[in-house]
Structures are given as structure tokens and as C-alpha cells.
Amino acid sequence: MTRGTISSSAFHLWRNRRFIAKAGAVGLVVATLIAFRLPLQFESTTRLMPPDKQSTAGLASLRAAGAAGGNLNAVPFLGEALGVNSAGALMVGVLRSQTVQDHIVEQFDLTKVYGMRYLKDTRERLSSSTDISLDQKSGIITITVTDQSPQRARDIARAYAVELNHLLAQLDTSAARKERLFIEERLKTVKGDMDEAAQQLARYSSENTTLDIKEQTKAMVESEAKLQGDFIAAQAELRGLEQIYTDNTARVRAMRARVAELKRQVGNMNGNPASLGDASNGSTPYPPIRKLPLLGVPYADLFRRLNIQEAIYETLTKQYEMAKIQEARDIPTVRVLDPANLPEKKSGPKRTLIVAFGTYFMGFLAMMYILGTDRWQTLEPDHPIKFFTREMQHGLAQDYHALRAHIPWSRNGAKSFENK
């Protein structure tokens, strides 16, 4: 471009400076209206620290689960994360997964908030409103959520950390988790066996009136010895009374009745067949001493089974608690370094930038129009561009008249236009 051409263009621009100023003013007004009609945007940021070294085993197990054909449909990032050695990169993959996004969409009802019809569109809107980045040196994960509501922006940013830990706990396949699940199933089985053993012992004790064979035998032997002593003493006293009084004396008859009762009680305790008929009337609810050895064997077997099941249950309970503690250590969890706070200032829109851009853009279009018009006027009438433009205008005019001719309510107008 020569110096004369530049001077001529500058002259035309200067001569039409009012038109350029009007165009800039129009751009200023339109951009101002647009800038102030755009909804306010707020940003809330949270920073997460990656799992510590104790949780790296859990991360390795997550990759192994993906490699073994785990639930890749629910968490599509696992297939890509298998080749990633960084724990932070895996966490970012989890945060960007469809599973986490669907939980957040459901928790905050974002389909209604965003005015979307389909879940896929809502998920894309959430993804565009969320920026997740990873510092390769420190491994710190930064999550920034942009929303029209400052409270919702803060809550969604916090929900990302909660959903991340929740999903990692669900996907954890560490050895401690497997051990805990195995012990949990064994506890259910042992608990059932222990309850069954206790019921069998209770039924046997109830049917045979046995409480504790060892203590019960000791008590019955002591009771029998006392009854034997009373019986011998009563017999001696009866013989002495018979030597002094006649058989019809009241004291002799009373002593004989006492001796008979003591003899019957001793027979009941010994299991004497001659006295069992008297014992069947319910005078003694306990089994005789002769039956205690026979009852002791099955009782001891049932009691031993119950003790074994109780010991197993107690041991498994301790192991179960230890497995739960170890599982909690192995689950990869992130710690919140900077919690998401309620944003105090808006992050957008940039109204000053929008107004300035609209003003300069309209001014630039006005200058391009002036320069283009000036260039058009300097072209020769037979220039190919002008010739092509005239042919195009003529063709468009014919098409327009033909279209008007086929419109019933515009035929009169079209004819009058053609007559002119």
C-alpha cells in the first residue's frame, strides 16, 4: 500500500468521523445492555491433598481392579488411569468421572437449576462450570466451581471432595477389605452356630432339669448325706421310743411317719425304683443322683460346643475390628487443604471488558465499511467484481419477483411493480 493510498484512506476516515463515532456509541449502548443483562457468576475454590503413602496400596488395588475387568462402565476413567503412576492424576480422573458428576447433579437437582432437558446436557454444563487442575510438583488438586449462586458454588465444590472419598471407598479392593468381608461372613455363620448350640443346651436342661451338672451333683450329694444322717437319727430315736411306749402312742406313730418320709426322700434322691412312684407326684423336680452321670455326658458335650462357638465368635470379633481399622488405613482418602468458602465478589461477567470490546468492534466495523465503500467507488464500471455484483443483484431481483408472483395476496403488488 502506497503512502498516497494511506493518506486517502485516512482522509476518508477523518471525513466520516461522525459516522464512526455514532457506530461506536451504538456499540457502547448495546454492549452495556448486554453486559448488565448477563447473570452474575461466582467462583468457589477448594484444594485437596493427595492420599498419603499408607493409601498407595489402595490405589494400586484400584488399578488392578480396572485391569481385571472391574466396573469400567460405571467409572470410565479407570481404563485410562491404568498407565498413570501419579495418585493425584488418578484422583483427577475420579473427579471427572461420570459417576461423580451424576451424584452431584442428583444431589443439587442441577437439571432443573440449569434448565436442561437431558442428563447428558446437564453433565456437560457442570463440566464446563468446573475447573479441575493438578499441580504436578506438589500433587495438590484444585477444584474451582462457577455458578450464579455463591452458596451453590461453595456447596458443589465441597461435594466434589465428599463424592471422591465416597467413591474411592466403594471401589477399594485392598487385602484388608477382602479380609474384613471374609471375617464378616464367618461371623454370621459362627453366630448362627452359637445360637443353635445355646438353644440345644437350653432345651436339654429344660427337659432333664439340669442347670450345672458339676455343682448340681455336689449339692445333691450333700443333701443326700444330710438326709441319711437325719434318717439314721430318726430310726435310733424310734427304737428308743418303742422300748418305752406302746405302738399306739402318738409319739411313736409320729416318729414312724417321720422315718417313712425320710426314707422316701432318700430313695427319691438315689433313684430307688421302689420310691419312684412316690416321686412322680412332683415332690422333687430334680433328677436322682443315679441319673446324673448319664445326663452329664450329653450335657458336657452341648456345654463344650457352646463354649467353643463363643470362643470362636470372640476371636473373630477381635479380628473383625482389626480388619476394619486396617481397611480404613488402606482406603485412599484425600484431605482438604483449603475448604471451599462463600465467594465475596463476583467473578463475572467482565462488564468493562465487554463494553470496551463492543465499542471498539462497532467502530472497527464502521471504519471497514467506509474503507470498503471508498474502494468500491474507485473501481472501473467493467471491473469483474462490479460485473459479478450486478449480475448477482439482477438474479436476486428476478427470483424475488418470481416468488412474489406465486403469492396470492401479493400478485397485484408484483404486477404493479413490473409495470413500473
Protein backbone atom coordinates (compact mmCIF):
# COMPACT_ATOMS: atom_id res chain seq x y z
CA MET A 1 0.00 0.00 0.00
CA THR A 2 1.47 3.37 -1.07
CA ARG A 3 1.68 6.48 1.00
CA GLY A 4 -0.95 8.17 -1.15
CA THR A 5 -3.38 5.36 -0.58
CA ILE A 6 -2.84 5.55 3.17
CA SER A 7 -3.37 9.31 3.12
CA SER A 8 -6.56 8.91 1.10
CA SER A 9 -7.93 6.25 3.48
CA ALA A 10 -7.08 8.38 6.50
CA PHE A 11 -8.79 11.33 4.84
CA HIS A 12 -11.99 9.35 4.23
CA LEU A 13 -11.93 8.10 7.81
CA TRP A 14 -11.48 11.59 9.14
CA ARG A 15 -14.24 12.92 6.92
CA ASN A 16 -16.63 10.26 8.24
CA ARG A 17 -15.50 10.55 11.83
CA ARG A 18 -19.03 11.36 12.98
CA PHE A 19 -20.34 8.15 11.46
CA ILE A 20 -17.58 6.19 13.19
CA ALA A 21 -18.37 7.93 16.48
CA LYS A 22 -22.09 7.11 16.11
CA ALA A 23 -21.26 3.47 15.40
CA GLY A 24 -19.03 3.40 18.48
CA ALA A 25 -21.82 4.94 20.55
CA VAL A 26 -24.27 2.32 19.31
CA GLY A 27 -21.74 -0.39 20.20
CA LEU A 28 -21.31 1.17 23.64
CA VAL A 29 -25.06 1.15 24.31
CA VAL A 30 -25.61 -2.38 23.00
CA ALA A 31 -22.59 -3.80 24.85
CA THR A 32 -23.68 -2.05 28.06
CA LEU A 33 -27.15 -3.54 27.82
CA ILE A 34 -25.71 -6.99 27.15
CA ALA A 35 -23.15 -6.69 29.97
CA PHE A 36 -25.74 -5.73 32.57
CA ARG A 37 -28.26 -8.33 31.42
CA LEU A 38 -25.81 -11.20 31.79
CA PRO A 39 -26.25 -13.05 35.12
CA LEU A 40 -23.59 -12.70 37.78
CA GLN A 41 -21.10 -15.54 38.21
CA PHE A 42 -19.35 -16.58 41.43
CA GLU A 43 -16.34 -18.83 41.88
CA SER A 44 -15.59 -21.06 44.86
CA THR A 45 -12.28 -22.92 45.08
CA THR A 46 -11.14 -25.83 47.21
CA ARG A 47 -7.73 -27.53 47.27
CA LEU A 48 -7.18 -31.19 48.10
CA MET A 49 -4.08 -33.03 49.16
CA PRO A 50 -3.50 -36.45 47.56
CA PRO A 51 -3.55 -39.62 49.71
CA ASP A 52 -0.54 -40.36 51.87
CA LYS A 53 1.85 -43.26 51.34
CA GLN A 54 -0.21 -45.61 53.52
CA SER A 55 -3.04 -45.41 50.99
CA THR A 56 -0.96 -46.17 47.89
CA ALA A 57 -1.81 -49.86 48.27
CA GLY A 58 -5.46 -48.98 47.86
CA LEU A 59 -4.71 -47.05 44.69
CA ALA A 60 -2.76 -49.97 43.31
CA SER A 61 -5.70 -52.23 44.02
CA LEU A 62 -7.99 -49.82 42.18
CA ARG A 63 -5.80 -50.06 39.09
CA ALA A 64 -5.69 -53.84 39.46
CA ALA A 65 -9.48 -53.95 39.65
CA GLY A 66 -9.71 -51.96 36.44
CA ALA A 67 -7.17 -54.19 34.72
CA ALA A 68 -9.04 -57.32 35.83
CA GLY A 69 -12.23 -56.08 34.19
CA GLY A 70 -13.84 -54.18 37.02
CA ASN A 71 -16.80 -51.85 36.80
CA LEU A 72 -15.39 -49.77 33.99
CA ASN A 73 -18.82 -48.74 32.72
CA ALA A 74 -19.71 -47.04 35.99
CA VAL A 75 -16.27 -45.40 36.26
CA PRO A 76 -14.93 -44.92 32.72
CA PHE A 77 -11.71 -43.29 33.82
CA LEU A 78 -10.15 -46.49 35.21
CA GLY A 79 -9.10 -47.80 31.83
CA GLU A 80 -7.13 -44.65 31.13
CA ALA A 81 -5.76 -44.41 34.65
CA LEU A 82 -4.03 -47.77 34.50
CA GLY A 83 -0.97 -46.23 32.94
CA VAL A 84 -0.84 -43.29 35.33
CA ASN A 85 1.61 -43.55 38.18
CA SER A 86 0.57 -40.38 39.97
CA ALA A 87 -2.01 -40.70 42.73
CA GLY A 88 -3.13 -37.13 42.05
CA ALA A 89 -3.77 -37.89 38.38
CA LEU A 90 -5.96 -40.81 39.39
CA MET A 91 -7.89 -38.57 41.77
CA VAL A 92 -8.50 -36.06 38.96
CA GLY A 93 -9.78 -38.91 36.83
CA VAL A 94 -12.20 -39.90 39.56
CA LEU A 95 -13.42 -36.31 39.96
CA ARG A 96 -14.10 -36.04 36.21
CA SER A 97 -15.87 -39.40 36.06
CA GLN A 98 -19.49 -39.71 35.07
CA THR A 99 -20.36 -41.36 38.38
CA VAL A 100 -19.25 -38.36 40.46
CA GLN A 101 -20.98 -35.91 38.12
CA ASP A 102 -24.25 -37.85 38.23
CA HIS A 103 -24.22 -37.89 42.03
CA ILE A 104 -23.67 -34.11 42.16
CA VAL A 105 -26.38 -33.48 39.55
CA GLU A 106 -28.83 -35.56 41.57
CA GLN A 107 -27.82 -34.03 44.91
CA PHE A 108 -28.33 -30.41 43.79
CA ASP A 109 -31.07 -31.08 41.17
CA LEU A 110 -28.91 -29.33 38.55
CA THR A 111 -31.11 -30.49 35.67
CA LYS A 112 -33.81 -28.15 36.96
CA VAL A 113 -31.35 -25.45 38.03
CA TYR A 114 -29.69 -25.30 34.60
CA GLY A 115 -32.99 -25.66 32.77
CA MET A 116 -31.79 -28.72 30.86
CA ARG A 117 -33.93 -31.50 29.47
CA TYR A 118 -31.40 -34.31 29.29
CA LEU A 119 -28.92 -35.56 31.86
CA LYS A 120 -26.12 -35.54 29.29
CA ASP A 121 -26.55 -31.80 28.67
CA THR A 122 -26.63 -31.14 32.42
CA ARG A 123 -23.44 -33.14 32.85
CA GLU A 124 -21.71 -31.12 30.11
CA ARG A 125 -22.87 -27.86 31.68
CA LEU A 126 -21.50 -28.95 35.06
CA SER A 127 -18.21 -29.96 33.45
CA SER A 128 -17.87 -26.59 31.73
CA SER A 129 -18.60 -24.81 35.04
CA THR A 130 -15.99 -26.83 36.93
CA ASP A 131 -12.24 -26.49 36.52
CA ILE A 132 -10.12 -29.31 37.98
CA SER A 133 -6.36 -28.96 37.81
CA LEU A 134 -3.37 -30.80 39.27
CA ASP A 135 -0.06 -29.34 40.36
CA GLN A 136 2.47 -31.87 39.06
CA LYS A 137 5.14 -30.86 41.59
CA SER A 138 3.15 -30.83 44.82
CA GLY A 139 0.29 -33.12 43.76
CA ILE A 140 -2.31 -30.65 45.10
CA ILE A 141 -5.67 -30.80 43.32
CA THR A 142 -7.54 -27.52 42.76
CA ILE A 143 -11.30 -27.54 42.13
CA THR A 144 -12.99 -24.30 41.05
CA VAL A 145 -16.76 -24.21 40.59
CA THR A 146 -18.54 -21.32 38.87
CA ASP A 147 -22.24 -20.74 39.48
CA GLN A 148 -24.82 -17.98 39.59
CA SER A 149 -25.43 -18.70 43.27
CA PRO A 150 -22.47 -18.24 45.64
CA GLN A 151 -23.92 -20.77 48.10
CA ARG A 152 -24.40 -23.40 45.41
CA ALA A 153 -20.89 -22.82 44.06
CA ARG A 154 -19.45 -23.42 47.54
CA ASP A 155 -21.62 -26.49 48.20
CA ILE A 156 -20.78 -28.12 44.86
CA ALA A 157 -17.06 -27.57 45.42
CA ARG A 158 -17.32 -29.24 48.82
CA ALA A 159 -19.44 -32.05 47.39
CA TYR A 160 -16.65 -32.98 44.98
CA ALA A 161 -14.34 -33.91 47.89
CA VAL A 162 -17.10 -35.87 49.64
CA GLU A 163 -18.04 -37.80 46.49
CA LEU A 164 -14.37 -38.51 45.78
CA ASN A 165 -13.81 -40.19 49.16
CA HIS A 166 -17.14 -42.00 48.95
CA LEU A 167 -16.40 -43.43 45.50
CA LEU A 168 -12.87 -44.47 46.47
CA ALA A 169 -14.27 -46.32 49.48
CA GLN A 170 -16.73 -48.17 47.21
CA LEU A 171 -14.04 -49.13 44.71
CA ASP A 172 -11.48 -50.16 47.30
CA THR A 173 -10.39 -53.79 46.78
CA SER A 174 -7.46 -53.97 49.18
CA ALA A 175 -6.43 -57.09 51.11
CA ALA A 176 -7.80 -55.61 54.34
CA ARG A 177 -11.20 -55.13 52.72
CA LYS A 178 -11.23 -58.72 51.47
CA GLU A 179 -10.24 -59.95 54.93
CA ARG A 180 -12.94 -57.85 56.55
CA LEU A 181 -15.61 -59.20 54.19
CA PHE A 182 -14.46 -62.78 54.81
CA ILE A 183 -14.49 -62.38 58.59
CA GLU A 184 -17.88 -60.69 58.37
CA GLU A 185 -19.34 -63.74 56.62
CA ARG A 186 -17.67 -66.09 59.12
CA LEU A 187 -19.11 -64.08 61.99
CA LYS A 188 -22.61 -64.58 60.63
CA THR A 189 -22.05 -68.34 60.34
CA VAL A 190 -20.47 -68.68 63.80
CA LYS A 191 -23.20 -66.54 65.35
CA GLY A 192 -25.81 -68.91 63.92
CA ASP A 193 -23.95 -71.97 65.20
CA MET A 194 -23.53 -70.40 68.64
CA ASP A 195 -27.22 -69.55 68.88
CA GLU A 196 -28.15 -73.09 67.83
CA ALA A 197 -25.80 -74.62 70.44
CA ALA A 198 -27.24 -72.38 73.14
CA GLN A 199 -30.79 -73.39 72.20
CA GLN A 200 -29.92 -77.09 72.24
CA LEU A 201 -28.33 -76.76 75.68
CA ALA A 202 -31.35 -74.83 76.94
CA ARG A 203 -33.78 -77.46 75.62
CA TYR A 204 -31.75 -80.32 77.14
CA SER A 205 -31.50 -78.56 80.50
CA SER A 206 -35.22 -77.83 80.48
CA GLU A 207 -36.21 -81.40 79.58
CA ASN A 208 -33.90 -83.01 82.19
CA THR A 209 -34.00 -80.27 84.86
CA THR A 210 -30.24 -79.78 84.72
CA LEU A 211 -28.63 -76.48 85.41
CA ASP A 212 -24.97 -77.27 86.14
CA ILE A 213 -24.14 -80.97 86.42
CA LYS A 214 -20.99 -80.47 88.50
CA GLU A 215 -22.50 -78.09 91.02
CA GLN A 216 -25.81 -79.89 90.96
CA THR A 217 -24.14 -83.28 91.79
CA LYS A 218 -22.21 -81.71 94.64
CA ALA A 219 -25.34 -80.14 96.11
CA MET A 220 -27.36 -83.35 95.78
CA VAL A 221 -24.63 -85.48 97.43
CA GLU A 222 -24.50 -83.07 100.34
CA SER A 223 -28.30 -83.09 100.59
CA GLU A 224 -28.38 -86.90 100.50
CA ALA A 225 -25.75 -87.15 103.24
CA LYS A 226 -27.80 -84.84 105.43
CA LEU A 227 -30.96 -86.85 104.74
CA GLN A 228 -29.12 -90.10 105.51
CA GLY A 229 -27.93 -88.64 108.80
CA ASP A 230 -31.44 -87.48 109.70
CA PHE A 231 -32.84 -90.88 108.70
CA ILE A 232 -30.39 -92.81 110.90
CA ALA A 233 -31.00 -90.47 113.81
CA ALA A 234 -34.78 -90.83 113.39
CA GLN A 235 -34.51 -94.65 113.32
CA ALA A 236 -32.46 -94.64 116.56
CA GLU A 237 -34.96 -92.33 118.21
CA LEU A 238 -37.85 -94.55 117.03
CA ARG A 239 -36.24 -97.70 118.52
CA GLY A 240 -35.78 -95.89 121.83
CA LEU A 241 -39.43 -94.75 121.89
CA GLU A 242 -40.65 -98.27 121.05
CA GLN A 243 -38.87 -99.62 124.13
CA ILE A 244 -40.59 -97.07 126.35
CA TYR A 245 -44.07 -96.59 124.80
CA THR A 246 -46.54 -98.87 123.12
CA ASP A 247 -47.09 -98.88 119.34
CA ASN A 248 -50.34 -96.88 119.60
CA THR A 249 -48.68 -93.99 121.37
CA ALA A 250 -48.85 -90.67 119.47
CA ARG A 251 -45.13 -90.05 119.73
CA VAL A 252 -44.32 -93.50 118.31
CA ARG A 253 -46.74 -93.04 115.40
CA ALA A 254 -45.33 -89.57 114.62
CA MET A 255 -41.75 -90.81 114.69
CA ARG A 256 -42.65 -93.74 112.41
CA ALA A 257 -44.21 -91.30 109.93
CA ARG A 258 -41.08 -89.15 110.03
CA VAL A 259 -38.84 -92.18 109.45
CA ALA A 260 -41.00 -93.23 106.48
CA GLU A 261 -40.83 -89.73 104.93
CA LEU A 262 -37.06 -89.54 105.33
CA LYS A 263 -36.71 -92.98 103.79
CA ARG A 264 -38.85 -91.93 100.84
CA GLN A 265 -36.79 -88.75 100.27
CA VAL A 266 -33.52 -90.70 100.39
CA GLY A 267 -34.96 -93.17 97.89
CA ASN A 268 -36.00 -90.35 95.57
CA MET A 269 -32.52 -88.83 95.59
CA ASN A 270 -30.88 -92.21 94.94
CA GLY A 271 -33.32 -93.11 92.21
CA ASN A 272 -34.61 -96.11 94.08
CA PRO A 273 -37.23 -97.84 91.88
CA ALA A 274 -39.36 -98.64 94.89
CA SER A 275 -39.86 -94.96 95.61
CA LEU A 276 -40.09 -93.58 92.08
CA GLY A 277 -43.80 -93.91 92.09
CA ASP A 278 -43.97 -91.54 95.02
CA ALA A 279 -41.50 -89.20 93.34
CA SER A 280 -43.65 -88.83 90.26
CA ASN A 281 -46.08 -86.63 92.08
CA GLY A 282 -43.72 -83.68 91.70
CA SER A 283 -42.28 -83.65 95.18
CA THR A 284 -38.76 -83.27 93.74
CA PRO A 285 -38.22 -81.57 90.39
CA TYR A 286 -34.59 -82.60 90.02
CA PRO A 287 -33.20 -85.86 88.57
CA PRO A 288 -31.90 -88.51 91.00
CA ILE A 289 -28.19 -88.95 91.70
CA ARG A 290 -28.08 -92.22 89.76
CA LYS A 291 -29.13 -90.41 86.58
CA LEU A 292 -26.64 -87.55 86.90
CA PRO A 293 -23.69 -89.47 85.36
CA LEU A 294 -25.86 -90.43 82.38
CA LEU A 295 -27.09 -86.86 81.95
CA GLY A 296 -23.61 -85.40 82.43
CA VAL A 297 -22.13 -86.77 79.16
CA PRO A 298 -24.55 -85.12 76.68
CA TYR A 299 -24.75 -82.06 78.88
CA ALA A 300 -20.96 -81.71 78.86
CA ASP A 301 -20.90 -82.17 75.07
CA LEU A 302 -23.51 -79.47 74.49
CA PHE A 303 -21.82 -77.18 77.00
CA ARG A 304 -18.44 -77.72 75.32
CA ARG A 305 -19.88 -76.96 71.89
CA LEU A 306 -21.36 -73.72 73.21
CA ASN A 307 -18.04 -72.69 74.79
CA ILE A 308 -16.15 -73.43 71.55
CA GLN A 309 -18.56 -71.35 69.46
CA GLU A 310 -18.36 -68.50 71.98
CA ALA A 311 -14.54 -68.60 71.89
CA ILE A 312 -14.53 -68.60 68.08
CA TYR A 313 -17.02 -65.75 67.97
CA GLU A 314 -14.96 -63.70 70.42
CA THR A 315 -11.74 -64.28 68.42
CA LEU A 316 -13.41 -63.41 65.11
CA THR A 317 -14.90 -60.27 66.61
CA LYS A 318 -11.44 -59.04 67.60
CA GLN A 319 -10.06 -59.87 64.15
CA TYR A 320 -13.04 -58.13 62.54
CA GLU A 321 -12.34 -54.90 64.41
CA MET A 322 -8.67 -55.06 63.46
CA ALA A 323 -9.57 -55.67 59.80
CA LYS A 324 -11.88 -52.65 59.81
CA ILE A 325 -9.10 -50.47 61.21
CA GLN A 326 -6.65 -51.73 58.61
CA GLU A 327 -9.22 -51.23 55.85
CA ALA A 328 -9.72 -47.63 56.92
CA ARG A 329 -5.97 -47.14 56.65
CA ASP A 330 -5.77 -48.71 53.20
CA ILE A 331 -8.66 -46.76 51.66
CA PRO A 332 -7.16 -43.84 49.67
CA THR A 333 -8.66 -40.67 51.10
CA VAL A 334 -7.93 -37.06 50.26
CA ARG A 335 -7.60 -34.31 52.81
CA VAL A 336 -9.00 -30.84 52.29
CA LEU A 337 -6.17 -28.32 52.31
CA ASP A 338 -8.28 -25.24 51.59
CA PRO A 339 -12.03 -25.68 52.14
CA ALA A 340 -14.43 -24.02 49.74
CA ASN A 341 -15.67 -20.74 51.20
CA LEU A 342 -18.58 -18.50 50.28
CA PRO A 343 -17.32 -16.16 47.50
CA GLU A 344 -17.48 -12.49 48.45
CA LYS A 345 -17.01 -10.99 44.98
CA LYS A 346 -18.41 -11.88 41.59
CA SER A 347 -16.08 -13.45 39.07
CA GLY A 348 -18.06 -12.42 36.03
CA PRO A 349 -19.18 -11.09 33.72
CA LYS A 350 -16.33 -8.68 32.94
CA ARG A 351 -18.58 -5.75 32.16
CA THR A 352 -15.85 -3.23 31.48
CA LEU A 353 -14.17 -5.56 29.02
CA ILE A 354 -17.48 -6.34 27.30
CA VAL A 355 -18.36 -2.64 26.95
CA ALA A 356 -14.89 -1.75 25.65
CA PHE A 357 -14.89 -4.63 23.17
CA GLY A 358 -18.40 -3.76 21.89
CA THR A 359 -17.45 -0.10 21.40
CA TYR A 360 -14.19 -0.82 19.58
CA PHE A 361 -15.76 -3.57 17.50
CA MET A 362 -18.58 -1.36 16.20
CA GLY A 363 -16.06 1.42 15.48
CA PHE A 364 -13.88 -1.05 13.61
CA LEU A 365 -16.84 -2.27 11.53
CA ALA A 366 -17.71 1.35 10.69
CA MET A 367 -14.16 2.02 9.51
CA MET A 368 -14.15 -1.16 7.42
CA TYR A 369 -17.46 -0.08 5.86
CA ILE A 370 -16.08 3.37 4.99
CA LEU A 371 -12.88 1.98 3.51
CA GLY A 372 -14.79 -0.71 1.61
CA THR A 373 -17.25 1.84 0.18
CA ASP A 374 -14.39 4.11 -0.90
CA ARG A 375 -12.61 1.23 -2.57
CA TRP A 376 -15.80 0.18 -4.36
CA GLN A 377 -16.29 3.64 -5.81
CA THR A 378 -12.77 3.74 -7.20
CA LEU A 379 -13.27 0.53 -9.23
CA GLU A 380 -13.95 0.80 -13.02
CA PRO A 381 -17.51 0.05 -14.21
CA ASP A 382 -16.28 -3.00 -16.17
CA HIS A 383 -14.31 -4.42 -13.27
CA PRO A 384 -15.03 -8.15 -12.76
CA ILE A 385 -16.14 -7.63 -9.19
CA LYS A 386 -18.67 -4.98 -10.13
CA PHE A 387 -19.86 -7.05 -13.10
CA PHE A 388 -20.34 -10.10 -10.87
CA THR A 389 -22.16 -7.99 -8.30
CA ARG A 390 -24.55 -6.53 -10.86
CA GLU A 391 -25.34 -10.00 -12.23
CA MET A 392 -25.99 -11.29 -8.74
CA GLN A 393 -28.30 -8.38 -7.94
CA HIS A 394 -30.19 -8.89 -11.19
CA GLY A 395 -30.64 -12.61 -10.49
CA LEU A 396 -31.80 -11.97 -6.94
CA ALA A 397 -34.31 -9.40 -8.21
CA GLN A 398 -35.76 -11.89 -10.70
CA ASP A 399 -36.03 -14.57 -8.04
CA TYR A 400 -37.75 -12.10 -5.76
CA HIS A 401 -40.32 -11.11 -8.41
CA ALA A 402 -40.98 -14.75 -9.27
CA LEU A 403 -41.58 -15.55 -5.64
CA ARG A 404 -43.94 -12.59 -5.26
CA ALA A 405 -45.87 -13.75 -8.35
CA HIS A 406 -46.68 -17.10 -6.70
CA ILE A 407 -48.03 -15.48 -3.54
CA PRO A 408 -51.81 -14.89 -4.00
CA TRP A 409 -52.08 -11.78 -1.84
CA SER A 410 -49.01 -10.21 -3.48
CA ARG A 411 -49.84 -10.67 -7.18
CA ASN A 412 -51.32 -7.21 -7.62
CA GLY A 413 -48.33 -5.68 -5.93
CA ALA A 414 -45.95 -7.69 -8.10
CA LYS A 415 -47.74 -6.71 -11.35
CA SER A 416 -47.76 -3.08 -10.44
CA PHE A 417 -44.07 -3.33 -9.62
CA GLU A 418 -43.33 -4.97 -13.01
CA ASN A 419 -45.39 -2.31 -14.91
CA LYS A 420 -43.29 0.36 -13.33
